[in-house]
N, C-alpha and C. Protein backbone atom coordinates (compact mmCIF):
# COMPACT_ATOMS: atom_id res chain seq x y z
N MET A 1 0.82 -1.20 0.00
CA MET A 1 0.00 0.00 0.00
C MET A 1 0.86 1.26 0.00
N GLU A 2 2.06 1.15 0.54
CA GLU A 2 2.95 2.31 0.56
C GLU A 2 3.34 2.73 -0.85
N TYR A 3 3.50 1.75 -1.74
CA TYR A 3 3.90 2.07 -3.11
C TYR A 3 2.82 2.86 -3.83
N VAL A 4 1.58 2.53 -3.57
CA VAL A 4 0.48 3.25 -4.20
C VAL A 4 0.46 4.70 -3.73
N ALA A 5 0.67 4.91 -2.45
CA ALA A 5 0.67 6.27 -1.90
C ALA A 5 1.83 7.08 -2.46
N VAL A 6 2.93 6.42 -2.79
CA VAL A 6 4.09 7.13 -3.33
C VAL A 6 3.91 7.42 -4.81
N LEU A 7 3.37 6.48 -5.56
CA LEU A 7 3.26 6.61 -7.01
C LEU A 7 2.00 7.33 -7.47
N LEU A 8 0.95 7.33 -6.69
CA LEU A 8 -0.32 7.92 -7.09
C LEU A 8 -0.23 9.40 -7.47
N PRO A 9 0.43 10.25 -6.69
CA PRO A 9 0.50 11.67 -7.10
C PRO A 9 1.19 11.86 -8.45
N SER A 10 2.25 11.12 -8.70
CA SER A 10 2.93 11.23 -9.99
C SER A 10 2.04 10.75 -11.13
N LEU A 11 1.32 9.68 -10.91
CA LEU A 11 0.42 9.17 -11.94
C LEU A 11 -0.70 10.16 -12.24
N VAL A 12 -1.24 10.76 -11.22
CA VAL A 12 -2.33 11.73 -11.41
C VAL A 12 -1.83 12.95 -12.18
N VAL A 13 -0.68 13.47 -11.80
CA VAL A 13 -0.11 14.62 -12.51
C VAL A 13 0.22 14.25 -13.95
N GLY A 14 0.74 13.06 -14.15
CA GLY A 14 1.03 12.59 -15.50
C GLY A 14 -0.23 12.48 -16.35
N LEU A 15 -1.31 11.96 -15.78
CA LEU A 15 -2.57 11.87 -16.51
C LEU A 15 -3.15 13.25 -16.83
N LEU A 16 -3.07 14.16 -15.88
CA LEU A 16 -3.55 15.53 -16.13
C LEU A 16 -2.76 16.18 -17.27
N PHE A 17 -1.44 15.99 -17.25
CA PHE A 17 -0.60 16.53 -18.32
C PHE A 17 -0.97 15.90 -19.66
N TRP A 18 -1.20 14.59 -19.67
CA TRP A 18 -1.54 13.90 -20.91
C TRP A 18 -2.86 14.42 -21.47
N PHE A 19 -3.89 14.58 -20.61
CA PHE A 19 -5.17 15.10 -21.08
C PHE A 19 -5.04 16.54 -21.58
N ALA A 20 -4.26 17.34 -20.90
CA ALA A 20 -4.07 18.73 -21.33
C ALA A 20 -3.39 18.78 -22.69
N MET A 21 -2.35 18.01 -22.88
CA MET A 21 -1.64 18.00 -24.17
C MET A 21 -2.53 17.44 -25.27
N LYS A 22 -3.31 16.43 -24.96
CA LYS A 22 -4.21 15.85 -25.95
C LYS A 22 -5.24 16.89 -26.41
N SER A 23 -5.79 17.64 -25.48
CA SER A 23 -6.77 18.65 -25.85
C SER A 23 -6.14 19.78 -26.66
N ILE A 24 -4.91 20.15 -26.32
CA ILE A 24 -4.22 21.19 -27.08
C ILE A 24 -3.97 20.73 -28.51
N PHE A 25 -3.49 19.50 -28.69
CA PHE A 25 -3.22 18.99 -30.02
C PHE A 25 -4.51 18.80 -30.83
N ASN A 26 -5.58 18.38 -30.18
CA ASN A 26 -6.87 18.25 -30.89
C ASN A 26 -7.39 19.62 -31.32
N ALA A 27 -7.24 20.62 -30.48
CA ALA A 27 -7.67 21.97 -30.84
C ALA A 27 -6.84 22.50 -32.01
N ASP A 28 -5.55 22.24 -31.99
CA ASP A 28 -4.68 22.68 -33.08
C ASP A 28 -5.06 21.99 -34.38
N LYS A 29 -5.34 20.69 -34.31
CA LYS A 29 -5.73 19.95 -35.50
C LYS A 29 -7.04 20.48 -36.06
N SER A 30 -8.00 20.76 -35.20
CA SER A 30 -9.29 21.29 -35.64
C SER A 30 -9.13 22.67 -36.27
N GLU A 31 -8.27 23.48 -35.68
CA GLU A 31 -8.04 24.81 -36.23
C GLU A 31 -7.39 24.74 -37.60
N ARG A 32 -6.43 23.84 -37.77
CA ARG A 32 -5.78 23.67 -39.07
C ARG A 32 -6.76 23.17 -40.12
N GLN A 33 -7.66 22.26 -39.73
CA GLN A 33 -8.66 21.77 -40.68
C GLN A 33 -9.62 22.88 -41.08
N ALA A 34 -10.06 23.69 -40.12
CA ALA A 34 -10.97 24.79 -40.42
C ALA A 34 -10.28 25.82 -41.31
N GLU A 35 -9.02 26.09 -41.05
CA GLU A 35 -8.28 27.04 -41.89
C GLU A 35 -8.12 26.50 -43.31
N ALA A 36 -7.86 25.21 -43.44
CA ALA A 36 -7.73 24.61 -44.77
C ALA A 36 -9.04 24.66 -45.54
N ARG A 37 -10.17 24.41 -44.83
CA ARG A 37 -11.48 24.50 -45.47
C ARG A 37 -11.76 25.92 -45.93
N ALA A 38 -11.46 26.90 -45.08
CA ALA A 38 -11.70 28.30 -45.44
C ALA A 38 -10.85 28.70 -46.63
N LYS A 39 -9.61 28.26 -46.66
CA LYS A 39 -8.72 28.59 -47.78
C LYS A 39 -9.22 27.93 -49.06
N ALA A 40 -9.68 26.68 -48.96
CA ALA A 40 -10.21 25.99 -50.14
C ALA A 40 -11.46 26.70 -50.67
N GLU A 41 -12.34 27.14 -49.77
CA GLU A 41 -13.53 27.87 -50.20
C GLU A 41 -13.16 29.19 -50.85
N ALA A 42 -12.19 29.89 -50.29
CA ALA A 42 -11.75 31.16 -50.87
C ALA A 42 -11.12 30.94 -52.24
N ASP A 43 -10.33 29.89 -52.37
CA ASP A 43 -9.73 29.58 -53.66
C ASP A 43 -10.80 29.21 -54.69
N ALA A 44 -11.81 28.47 -54.25
CA ALA A 44 -12.89 28.08 -55.16
C ALA A 44 -13.67 29.31 -55.61
N ARG A 45 -13.91 30.25 -54.69
CA ARG A 45 -14.63 31.47 -55.05
C ARG A 45 -13.82 32.33 -56.01
N SER A 46 -12.52 32.40 -55.79
CA SER A 46 -11.70 33.23 -56.67
C SER A 46 -11.49 32.58 -58.03
N ALA A 47 -11.66 31.26 -58.12
CA ALA A 47 -11.49 30.56 -59.39
C ALA A 47 -12.76 30.58 -60.23
N GLU A 48 -13.90 30.95 -59.64
CA GLU A 48 -15.15 31.00 -60.40
C GLU A 48 -15.07 32.11 -61.44
N PRO A 49 -15.50 31.83 -62.64
CA PRO A 49 -15.48 32.88 -63.67
C PRO A 49 -16.51 33.97 -63.37
N SER A 50 -16.14 35.18 -63.64
CA SER A 50 -17.07 36.29 -63.42
C SER A 50 -18.02 36.36 -64.60
N ASN A 51 -19.30 36.42 -64.31
CA ASN A 51 -20.30 36.44 -65.40
C ASN A 51 -20.79 37.87 -65.70
N GLY A 52 -20.26 38.87 -65.03
CA GLY A 52 -20.59 40.25 -65.32
C GLY A 52 -22.01 40.66 -65.01
N THR A 53 -22.63 40.10 -64.00
CA THR A 53 -24.01 40.42 -63.65
C THR A 53 -24.09 41.62 -62.71
N GLY A 54 -22.96 42.20 -62.35
CA GLY A 54 -23.02 43.36 -61.48
C GLY A 54 -23.24 42.99 -60.03
N THR A 55 -22.54 42.00 -59.53
CA THR A 55 -22.69 41.59 -58.13
C THR A 55 -21.86 42.49 -57.24
N ASP A 56 -21.50 42.02 -56.06
CA ASP A 56 -20.79 42.82 -55.08
C ASP A 56 -19.45 43.34 -55.58
N SER A 57 -18.85 42.70 -56.56
CA SER A 57 -17.54 43.15 -57.02
C SER A 57 -17.60 44.49 -57.74
N ASP A 58 -18.81 44.90 -58.18
CA ASP A 58 -18.94 46.19 -58.88
C ASP A 58 -19.25 47.34 -57.95
N LEU A 59 -19.36 47.08 -56.67
CA LEU A 59 -19.68 48.14 -55.72
C LEU A 59 -18.49 48.92 -55.50
């Protein structure tokens, strides 16, 4: 039982660190995916041919 009392605080801190790092990396991955989607949408919009109907670009 003494070993558990000695190792438990280190294990708990290690688990907290692991969960914190996992959430940081997941947030970074989600942000990169959202940025890639936004860039792809912007590229798709800029690649569309202009049909000259007088939309927002003529303002």
